All heavy atoms as atom14 arrays in JSON, in Angstrom:
{
  "sequence": "KGYINWRLAQSSYRGTPIAPTTVMHEMQILNQILDHAVDKRYI",
  "atom14_mask": [
    [1, 1, 1, 1, 1, 1, 1, 1, 1, 0, 0, 0, 0, 0],
    [1, 1, 1, 1, 0, 0, 0, 0, 0, 0, 0, 0, 0, 0],
    [1, 1, 1, 1, 1, 1, 1, 1, 1, 1, 1, 1, 0, 0],
    [1, 1, 1, 1, 1, 1, 1, 1, 0, 0, 0, 0, 0, 0],
    [1, 1, 1, 1, 1, 1, 1, 1, 0, 0, 0, 0, 0, 0],
    [1, 1, 1, 1, 1, 1, 1, 1, 1, 1, 1, 1, 1, 1],
    [1, 1, 1, 1, 1, 1, 1, 1, 1, 1, 1, 0, 0, 0],
    [1, 1, 1, 1, 1, 1, 1, 1, 0, 0, 0, 0, 0, 0],
    [1, 1, 1, 1, 1, 0, 0, 0, 0, 0, 0, 0, 0, 0],
    [1, 1, 1, 1, 1, 1, 1, 1, 1, 0, 0, 0, 0, 0],
    [1, 1, 1, 1, 1, 1, 0, 0, 0, 0, 0, 0, 0, 0],
    [1, 1, 1, 1, 1, 1, 0, 0, 0, 0, 0, 0, 0, 0],
    [1, 1, 1, 1, 1, 1, 1, 1, 1, 1, 1, 1, 0, 0],
    [1, 1, 1, 1, 1, 1, 1, 1, 1, 1, 1, 0, 0, 0],
    [1, 1, 1, 1, 0, 0, 0, 0, 0, 0, 0, 0, 0, 0],
    [1, 1, 1, 1, 1, 1, 1, 0, 0, 0, 0, 0, 0, 0],
    [1, 1, 1, 1, 1, 1, 1, 0, 0, 0, 0, 0, 0, 0],
    [1, 1, 1, 1, 1, 1, 1, 1, 0, 0, 0, 0, 0, 0],
    [1, 1, 1, 1, 1, 0, 0, 0, 0, 0, 0, 0, 0, 0],
    [1, 1, 1, 1, 1, 1, 1, 0, 0, 0, 0, 0, 0, 0],
    [1, 1, 1, 1, 1, 1, 1, 0, 0, 0, 0, 0, 0, 0],
    [1, 1, 1, 1, 1, 1, 1, 0, 0, 0, 0, 0, 0, 0],
    [1, 1, 1, 1, 1, 1, 1, 0, 0, 0, 0, 0, 0, 0],
    [1, 1, 1, 1, 1, 1, 1, 1, 0, 0, 0, 0, 0, 0],
    [1, 1, 1, 1, 1, 1, 1, 1, 1, 1, 0, 0, 0, 0],
    [1, 1, 1, 1, 1, 1, 1, 1, 1, 0, 0, 0, 0, 0],
    [1, 1, 1, 1, 1, 1, 1, 1, 0, 0, 0, 0, 0, 0],
    [1, 1, 1, 1, 1, 1, 1, 1, 1, 0, 0, 0, 0, 0],
    [1, 1, 1, 1, 1, 1, 1, 1, 0, 0, 0, 0, 0, 0],
    [1, 1, 1, 1, 1, 1, 1, 1, 0, 0, 0, 0, 0, 0],
    [1, 1, 1, 1, 1, 1, 1, 1, 0, 0, 0, 0, 0, 0],
    [1, 1, 1, 1, 1, 1, 1, 1, 1, 0, 0, 0, 0, 0],
    [1, 1, 1, 1, 1, 1, 1, 1, 0, 0, 0, 0, 0, 0],
    [1, 1, 1, 1, 1, 1, 1, 1, 0, 0, 0, 0, 0, 0],
    [1, 1, 1, 1, 1, 1, 1, 1, 0, 0, 0, 0, 0, 0],
    [1, 1, 1, 1, 1, 1, 1, 1, 1, 1, 0, 0, 0, 0],
    [1, 1, 1, 1, 1, 0, 0, 0, 0, 0, 0, 0, 0, 0],
    [1, 1, 1, 1, 1, 1, 1, 0, 0, 0, 0, 0, 0, 0],
    [1, 1, 1, 1, 1, 1, 1, 1, 0, 0, 0, 0, 0, 0],
    [1, 1, 1, 1, 1, 1, 1, 1, 1, 0, 0, 0, 0, 0],
    [1, 1, 1, 1, 1, 1, 1, 1, 1, 1, 1, 0, 0, 0],
    [1, 1, 1, 1, 1, 1, 1, 1, 1, 1, 1, 1, 0, 0],
    [1, 1, 1, 1, 1, 1, 1, 1, 0, 0, 0, 0, 0, 0]
  ],
  "atom14_positions": [
    [[120.26, -114.09, -177.32], [120.86, -114.88, -178.5], [122.33, -114.33, -178.57], [123.12, -115.16, -179.04], [120.05, -114.71, -179.65], [118.88, -115.44, -179.69], [118.08, -115.45, -181.03], [116.89, -116.3, -181.11], [116.24, -116.2, -182.52], [0.0, 0.0, 0.0], [0.0, 0.0, 0.0], [0.0, 0.0, 0.0], [0.0, 0.0, 0.0], [0.0, 0.0, 0.0]],
    [[122.62, -113.13, -178.34], [123.96, -112.56, -178.5], [125.0, -113.31, -177.51], [126.14, -113.3, -177.83], [0.0, 0.0, 0.0], [0.0, 0.0, 0.0], [0.0, 0.0, 0.0], [0.0, 0.0, 0.0], [0.0, 0.0, 0.0], [0.0, 0.0, 0.0], [0.0, 0.0, 0.0], [0.0, 0.0, 0.0], [0.0, 0.0, 0.0], [0.0, 0.0, 0.0]],
    [[124.43, -114.0, -176.53], [125.36, -114.72, -175.67], [126.14, -115.89, -176.36], [127.22, -116.16, -175.91], [124.55, -115.23, -174.48], [125.37, -116.23, -173.45], [126.15, -115.47, -172.47], [125.43, -117.49, -173.58], [126.87, -116.17, -171.62], [126.18, -118.22, -172.63], [126.95, -117.62, -171.72], [127.6, -118.27, -170.88], [0.0, 0.0, 0.0], [0.0, 0.0, 0.0]],
    [[125.46, -116.47, -177.23], [126.05, -117.5, -178.08], [127.33, -117.26, -178.56], [128.46, -117.88, -178.42], [124.99, -118.11, -179.08], [123.75, -118.59, -178.36], [125.61, -119.23, -179.84], [122.64, -119.0, -179.35], [0.0, 0.0, 0.0], [0.0, 0.0, 0.0], [0.0, 0.0, 0.0], [0.0, 0.0, 0.0], [0.0, 0.0, 0.0], [0.0, 0.0, 0.0]],
    [[127.33, -116.22, -179.53], [128.52, -115.84, -180.26], [129.54, -115.19, -179.29], [130.88, -115.35, -179.41], [128.31, -114.75, -181.25], [127.51, -115.39, -182.49], [127.72, -116.72, -182.66], [126.66, -114.56, -183.12], [0.0, 0.0, 0.0], [0.0, 0.0, 0.0], [0.0, 0.0, 0.0], [0.0, 0.0, 0.0], [0.0, 0.0, 0.0], [0.0, 0.0, 0.0]],
    [[129.14, -114.44, -178.34], [130.07, -113.85, -177.25], [130.76, -115.0, -176.49], [131.89, -114.86, -176.38], [129.3, -113.04, -176.32], [130.07, -112.49, -175.13], [130.78, -111.28, -175.08], [130.25, -113.06, -173.84], [131.34, -111.19, -173.94], [131.02, -112.25, -173.06], [129.73, -114.22, -173.24], [131.41, -112.54, -171.79], [130.16, -114.45, -171.95], [130.9, -113.56, -171.2]],
    [[129.94, -116.0, -176.18], [130.6, -117.14, -175.35], [131.54, -117.99, -176.2], [132.58, -118.38, -175.7], [129.56, -117.99, -174.75], [130.0, -119.11, -173.81], [130.67, -118.5, -172.62], [130.91, -119.48, -171.62], [132.01, -119.62, -170.9], [133.07, -118.81, -171.07], [132.14, -120.6, -169.89], [0.0, 0.0, 0.0], [0.0, 0.0, 0.0], [0.0, 0.0, 0.0]],
    [[131.22, -118.24, -177.43], [132.08, -119.02, -178.33], [133.34, -118.31, -178.62], [134.39, -119.01, -178.99], [131.34, -119.32, -179.72], [130.15, -120.24, -179.56], [129.54, -120.43, -180.89], [130.77, -121.68, -179.18], [0.0, 0.0, 0.0], [0.0, 0.0, 0.0], [0.0, 0.0, 0.0], [0.0, 0.0, 0.0], [0.0, 0.0, 0.0], [0.0, 0.0, 0.0]],
    [[133.39, -117.02, -178.55], [134.66, -116.28, -178.72], [135.55, -116.32, -177.56], [136.62, -115.9, -177.7], [134.31, -114.83, -179.12], [0.0, 0.0, 0.0], [0.0, 0.0, 0.0], [0.0, 0.0, 0.0], [0.0, 0.0, 0.0], [0.0, 0.0, 0.0], [0.0, 0.0, 0.0], [0.0, 0.0, 0.0], [0.0, 0.0, 0.0], [0.0, 0.0, 0.0]],
    [[135.12, -116.82, -176.3], [135.92, -116.93, -175.23], [136.64, -118.13, -175.18], [136.67, -118.91, -176.16], [134.9, -116.96, -173.91], [133.79, -115.81, -173.88], [134.47, -114.52, -173.72], [135.28, -114.26, -172.76], [134.07, -113.51, -174.44], [0.0, 0.0, 0.0], [0.0, 0.0, 0.0], [0.0, 0.0, 0.0], [0.0, 0.0, 0.0], [0.0, 0.0, 0.0]],
    [[137.59, -118.26, -174.2], [138.52, -119.34, -174.07], [138.37, -119.85, -172.69], [138.14, -119.06, -171.7], [139.95, -119.13, -174.51], [140.41, -118.07, -173.71], [0.0, 0.0, 0.0], [0.0, 0.0, 0.0], [0.0, 0.0, 0.0], [0.0, 0.0, 0.0], [0.0, 0.0, 0.0], [0.0, 0.0, 0.0], [0.0, 0.0, 0.0], [0.0, 0.0, 0.0]],
    [[138.73, -121.12, -172.54], [138.63, -121.7, -171.07], [139.81, -121.2, -170.27], [140.73, -120.65, -170.8], [138.53, -123.32, -171.18], [139.79, -123.75, -171.67], [0.0, 0.0, 0.0], [0.0, 0.0, 0.0], [0.0, 0.0, 0.0], [0.0, 0.0, 0.0], [0.0, 0.0, 0.0], [0.0, 0.0, 0.0], [0.0, 0.0, 0.0], [0.0, 0.0, 0.0]],
    [[139.93, -121.52, -169.07], [140.99, -121.26, -168.25], [142.25, -122.05, -168.63], [143.24, -121.56, -168.29], [140.67, -121.51, -166.78], [140.53, -123.07, -166.35], [141.66, -123.69, -165.93], [139.42, -123.77, -166.54], [141.64, -125.08, -165.59], [139.26, -125.05, -166.29], [140.4, -125.77, -165.8], [140.31, -127.16, -165.53], [0.0, 0.0, 0.0], [0.0, 0.0, 0.0]],
    [[142.14, -123.09, -169.42], [143.26, -123.77, -169.99], [143.69, -123.12, -171.29], [144.68, -123.61, -171.91], [142.96, -125.1, -170.17], [142.66, -126.02, -168.81], [142.28, -127.36, -169.14], [142.04, -128.1, -167.83], [141.5, -129.38, -167.85], [141.31, -129.95, -168.88], [141.36, -129.93, -166.6], [0.0, 0.0, 0.0], [0.0, 0.0, 0.0], [0.0, 0.0, 0.0]],
    [[142.91, -122.2, -171.78], [143.43, -121.62, -173.05], [142.84, -122.18, -174.23], [143.05, -121.79, -175.4], [0.0, 0.0, 0.0], [0.0, 0.0, 0.0], [0.0, 0.0, 0.0], [0.0, 0.0, 0.0], [0.0, 0.0, 0.0], [0.0, 0.0, 0.0], [0.0, 0.0, 0.0], [0.0, 0.0, 0.0], [0.0, 0.0, 0.0], [0.0, 0.0, 0.0]],
    [[142.05, -123.16, -174.14], [141.37, -123.86, -175.21], [139.99, -123.2, -175.5], [139.35, -122.66, -174.63], [141.07, -125.34, -175.01], [140.36, -125.44, -173.83], [142.37, -125.99, -174.74], [0.0, 0.0, 0.0], [0.0, 0.0, 0.0], [0.0, 0.0, 0.0], [0.0, 0.0, 0.0], [0.0, 0.0, 0.0], [0.0, 0.0, 0.0], [0.0, 0.0, 0.0]],
    [[139.5, -123.25, -176.85], [138.23, -122.73, -177.16], [137.07, -123.33, -176.35], [137.08, -124.54, -176.05], [138.06, -122.94, -178.67], [139.45, -123.26, -179.2], [140.23, -123.84, -178.02], [0.0, 0.0, 0.0], [0.0, 0.0, 0.0], [0.0, 0.0, 0.0], [0.0, 0.0, 0.0], [0.0, 0.0, 0.0], [0.0, 0.0, 0.0], [0.0, 0.0, 0.0]],
    [[136.1, -122.61, -176.08], [134.88, -123.14, -175.32], [134.15, -124.04, -176.45], [133.86, -123.7, -177.5], [133.85, -122.0, -174.95], [134.63, -121.14, -173.99], [132.73, -122.51, -174.43], [135.02, -121.76, -172.74], [0.0, 0.0, 0.0], [0.0, 0.0, 0.0], [0.0, 0.0, 0.0], [0.0, 0.0, 0.0], [0.0, 0.0, 0.0], [0.0, 0.0, 0.0]],
    [[133.9, -125.29, -175.96], [133.16, -126.23, -176.69], [131.73, -125.81, -176.96], [131.01, -125.25, -176.11], [133.11, -127.74, -176.03], [0.0, 0.0, 0.0], [0.0, 0.0, 0.0], [0.0, 0.0, 0.0], [0.0, 0.0, 0.0], [0.0, 0.0, 0.0], [0.0, 0.0, 0.0], [0.0, 0.0, 0.0], [0.0, 0.0, 0.0], [0.0, 0.0, 0.0]],
    [[131.13, -126.05, -178.2], [129.73, -125.65, -178.44], [128.74, -126.32, -177.48], [127.69, -125.73, -177.15], [129.52, -126.22, -179.92], [130.89, -126.23, -180.44], [131.85, -126.53, -179.39], [0.0, 0.0, 0.0], [0.0, 0.0, 0.0], [0.0, 0.0, 0.0], [0.0, 0.0, 0.0], [0.0, 0.0, 0.0], [0.0, 0.0, 0.0], [0.0, 0.0, 0.0]],
    [[129.02, -127.55, -177.0], [128.17, -128.23, -176.11], [128.12, -127.49, -174.69], [127.07, -127.59, -174.02], [128.71, -129.75, -175.89], [130.06, -129.82, -175.62], [128.23, -130.53, -177.15], [0.0, 0.0, 0.0], [0.0, 0.0, 0.0], [0.0, 0.0, 0.0], [0.0, 0.0, 0.0], [0.0, 0.0, 0.0], [0.0, 0.0, 0.0], [0.0, 0.0, 0.0]],
    [[129.22, -126.93, -174.48], [129.24, -126.12, -173.07], [128.28, -124.96, -173.29], [127.54, -124.66, -172.27], [130.71, -125.62, -172.78], [131.49, -126.73, -172.73], [130.76, -124.8, -171.53], [0.0, 0.0, 0.0], [0.0, 0.0, 0.0], [0.0, 0.0, 0.0], [0.0, 0.0, 0.0], [0.0, 0.0, 0.0], [0.0, 0.0, 0.0], [0.0, 0.0, 0.0]],
    [[128.35, -124.25, -174.41], [127.44, -123.06, -174.68], [126.12, -123.59, -174.67], [125.17, -122.95, -174.16], [127.75, -122.48, -175.89], [126.95, -121.19, -176.22], [129.24, -121.91, -175.98], [0.0, 0.0, 0.0], [0.0, 0.0, 0.0], [0.0, 0.0, 0.0], [0.0, 0.0, 0.0], [0.0, 0.0, 0.0], [0.0, 0.0, 0.0], [0.0, 0.0, 0.0]],
    [[125.86, -124.74, -175.2], [124.43, -125.34, -175.27], [123.9, -125.52, -173.86], [122.67, -125.16, -173.48], [124.29, -126.56, -176.08], [123.09, -127.24, -176.13], [123.15, -128.93, -176.99], [124.0, -129.88, -175.81], [0.0, 0.0, 0.0], [0.0, 0.0, 0.0], [0.0, 0.0, 0.0], [0.0, 0.0, 0.0], [0.0, 0.0, 0.0], [0.0, 0.0, 0.0]],
    [[124.66, -126.05, -172.9], [124.26, -126.36, -171.56], [124.09, -125.0, -170.98], [123.04, -124.86, -170.17], [125.35, -127.15, -171.02], [125.51, -128.55, -171.45], [126.6, -129.18, -171.39], [124.62, -129.34, -172.03], [126.49, -130.5, -172.0], [125.22, -130.57, -172.34], [0.0, 0.0, 0.0], [0.0, 0.0, 0.0], [0.0, 0.0, 0.0], [0.0, 0.0, 0.0]],
    [[124.81, -124.03, -171.11], [124.81, -122.8, -170.46], [123.49, -122.01, -170.94], [122.7, -121.4, -170.17], [126.05, -121.91, -170.77], [127.15, -122.32, -169.95], [128.41, -121.6, -170.46], [128.46, -120.91, -171.19], [129.44, -121.87, -169.79], [0.0, 0.0, 0.0], [0.0, 0.0, 0.0], [0.0, 0.0, 0.0], [0.0, 0.0, 0.0], [0.0, 0.0, 0.0]],
    [[123.15, -122.22, -172.29], [121.82, -121.57, -172.85], [120.58, -122.3, -172.18], [119.58, -121.62, -171.94], [121.76, -121.66, -174.26], [122.82, -120.72, -175.01], [122.56, -118.99, -174.71], [120.82, -118.79, -175.55], [0.0, 0.0, 0.0], [0.0, 0.0, 0.0], [0.0, 0.0, 0.0], [0.0, 0.0, 0.0], [0.0, 0.0, 0.0], [0.0, 0.0, 0.0]],
    [[120.8, -123.53, -171.84], [119.67, -124.34, -171.23], [119.42, -123.73, -169.83], [118.3, -123.61, -169.31], [120.04, -125.77, -171.09], [120.12, -126.43, -172.46], [120.45, -127.88, -172.39], [120.97, -128.43, -171.38], [120.41, -128.66, -173.43], [0.0, 0.0, 0.0], [0.0, 0.0, 0.0], [0.0, 0.0, 0.0], [0.0, 0.0, 0.0], [0.0, 0.0, 0.0]],
    [[120.53, -123.49, -169.16], [120.45, -122.71, -167.78], [119.92, -121.46, -167.85], [119.01, -121.01, -166.98], [121.84, -122.68, -167.14], [122.36, -124.08, -166.93], [121.73, -121.94, -165.87], [121.61, -124.8, -165.97], [0.0, 0.0, 0.0], [0.0, 0.0, 0.0], [0.0, 0.0, 0.0], [0.0, 0.0, 0.0], [0.0, 0.0, 0.0], [0.0, 0.0, 0.0]],
    [[120.2, -120.59, -168.88], [119.57, -119.28, -169.17], [118.1, -119.39, -169.29], [117.34, -118.61, -168.75], [120.28, -118.61, -170.27], [119.63, -117.24, -170.69], [119.71, -116.34, -169.6], [120.21, -116.73, -171.96], [0.0, 0.0, 0.0], [0.0, 0.0, 0.0], [0.0, 0.0, 0.0], [0.0, 0.0, 0.0], [0.0, 0.0, 0.0], [0.0, 0.0, 0.0]],
    [[117.68, -120.35, -170.02], [116.16, -120.54, -170.34], [115.51, -120.94, -168.93], [114.44, -120.61, -168.69], [115.97, -121.58, -171.49], [116.07, -121.01, -172.79], [115.15, -120.4, -173.29], [117.16, -121.11, -173.45], [0.0, 0.0, 0.0], [0.0, 0.0, 0.0], [0.0, 0.0, 0.0], [0.0, 0.0, 0.0], [0.0, 0.0, 0.0], [0.0, 0.0, 0.0]],
    [[116.17, -121.78, -168.21], [115.53, -122.18, -166.88], [115.46, -120.92, -165.97], [114.56, -120.79, -165.19], [116.41, -123.27, -166.26], [116.37, -124.59, -166.95], [117.19, -125.59, -166.35], [117.65, -125.58, -165.25], [117.7, -126.59, -167.23], [0.0, 0.0, 0.0], [0.0, 0.0, 0.0], [0.0, 0.0, 0.0], [0.0, 0.0, 0.0], [0.0, 0.0, 0.0]],
    [[116.44, -120.1, -166.08], [116.46, -118.89, -165.22], [115.21, -117.95, -165.66], [114.56, -117.25, -164.89], [117.82, -117.97, -165.49], [118.98, -118.78, -164.65], [117.68, -116.56, -164.92], [120.28, -118.19, -164.98], [0.0, 0.0, 0.0], [0.0, 0.0, 0.0], [0.0, 0.0, 0.0], [0.0, 0.0, 0.0], [0.0, 0.0, 0.0], [0.0, 0.0, 0.0]],
    [[115.1, -117.82, -166.99], [113.9, -117.09, -167.52], [112.57, -117.74, -167.12], [111.58, -116.99, -166.8], [114.07, -116.95, -169.1], [115.28, -116.2, -169.51], [115.3, -116.29, -171.07], [115.19, -114.68, -169.06], [0.0, 0.0, 0.0], [0.0, 0.0, 0.0], [0.0, 0.0, 0.0], [0.0, 0.0, 0.0], [0.0, 0.0, 0.0], [0.0, 0.0, 0.0]],
    [[112.5, -118.98, -167.19], [111.4, -119.69, -166.7], [111.12, -119.34, -165.25], [109.94, -119.17, -164.81], [111.39, -121.18, -166.92], [111.4, -121.54, -168.34], [110.81, -120.75, -169.19], [111.82, -122.7, -168.77], [0.0, 0.0, 0.0], [0.0, 0.0, 0.0], [0.0, 0.0, 0.0], [0.0, 0.0, 0.0], [0.0, 0.0, 0.0], [0.0, 0.0, 0.0]],
    [[112.13, -119.33, -164.45], [111.97, -118.99, -163.03], [111.38, -117.55, -162.87], [110.56, -117.37, -162.04], [113.37, -119.18, -162.3], [113.45, -118.51, -160.97], [112.98, -119.33, -159.8], [113.85, -117.38, -160.45], [113.13, -118.65, -158.82], [113.68, -117.35, -159.07], [0.0, 0.0, 0.0], [0.0, 0.0, 0.0], [0.0, 0.0, 0.0], [0.0, 0.0, 0.0]],
    [[111.95, -116.64, -163.67], [111.47, -115.24, -163.59], [110.01, -115.26, -163.97], [109.19, -114.38, -163.49], [112.22, -114.43, -164.61], [0.0, 0.0, 0.0], [0.0, 0.0, 0.0], [0.0, 0.0, 0.0], [0.0, 0.0, 0.0], [0.0, 0.0, 0.0], [0.0, 0.0, 0.0], [0.0, 0.0, 0.0], [0.0, 0.0, 0.0], [0.0, 0.0, 0.0]],
    [[109.58, -116.07, -164.94], [108.08, -116.03, -165.34], [107.25, -116.56, -164.13], [106.22, -116.17, -163.8], [107.91, -116.87, -166.63], [106.26, -117.1, -166.89], [108.57, -116.17, -167.82], [0.0, 0.0, 0.0], [0.0, 0.0, 0.0], [0.0, 0.0, 0.0], [0.0, 0.0, 0.0], [0.0, 0.0, 0.0], [0.0, 0.0, 0.0], [0.0, 0.0, 0.0]],
    [[107.69, -117.65, -163.52], [107.0, -118.35, -162.56], [106.85, -117.39, -161.33], [105.84, -117.29, -160.58], [107.68, -119.47, -162.03], [107.6, -120.71, -163.03], [106.73, -120.65, -163.85], [108.53, -121.64, -162.9], [0.0, 0.0, 0.0], [0.0, 0.0, 0.0], [0.0, 0.0, 0.0], [0.0, 0.0, 0.0], [0.0, 0.0, 0.0], [0.0, 0.0, 0.0]],
    [[107.82, -116.49, -161.0], [107.81, -115.6, -160.06], [107.13, -114.28, -160.32], [106.97, -113.42, -159.51], [109.22, -115.22, -159.48], [109.98, -116.46, -158.76], [109.32, -116.79, -157.48], [110.2, -117.82, -156.76], [109.55, -118.18, -155.44], [0.0, 0.0, 0.0], [0.0, 0.0, 0.0], [0.0, 0.0, 0.0], [0.0, 0.0, 0.0], [0.0, 0.0, 0.0]],
    [[106.75, -114.29, -161.72], [106.04, -113.06, -162.15], [106.84, -111.82, -162.21], [106.3, -110.64, -162.02], [104.67, -112.81, -161.52], [103.71, -114.05, -161.54], [102.39, -113.68, -160.87], [101.59, -114.96, -160.91], [100.91, -115.39, -161.95], [100.85, -114.69, -163.03], [100.12, -116.46, -161.74], [0.0, 0.0, 0.0], [0.0, 0.0, 0.0], [0.0, 0.0, 0.0]],
    [[108.2, -111.96, -162.41], [109.09, -110.8, -162.59], [108.88, -110.28, -164.01], [109.21, -109.2, -164.18], [110.46, -111.2, -162.21], [110.74, -111.67, -160.76], [111.74, -112.76, -160.6], [109.99, -111.18, -159.77], [111.91, -113.13, -159.31], [110.28, -111.75, -158.42], [111.24, -112.63, -158.31], [111.46, -113.0, -156.93], [0.0, 0.0, 0.0], [0.0, 0.0, 0.0]],
    [[108.6, -111.22, -164.97], [108.4, -110.75, -166.3], [107.21, -111.55, -166.82], [106.86, -112.67, -166.16], [109.54, -111.05, -167.23], [109.9, -112.64, -167.11], [110.68, -110.11, -166.98], [111.06, -112.93, -168.14], [0.0, 0.0, 0.0], [0.0, 0.0, 0.0], [0.0, 0.0, 0.0], [0.0, 0.0, 0.0], [0.0, 0.0, 0.0], [0.0, 0.0, 0.0]]
  ]
}
């Protein structure tokens, strides 16, 4: 969960703040990665 605040504090390569929807999409990818780890029985 700490990734959310960490990412929102970052800026894009153009110097603009990271949009909340971008963080939302990246958290969706993180959850898919964790699901992959469960399927492979890594956790």
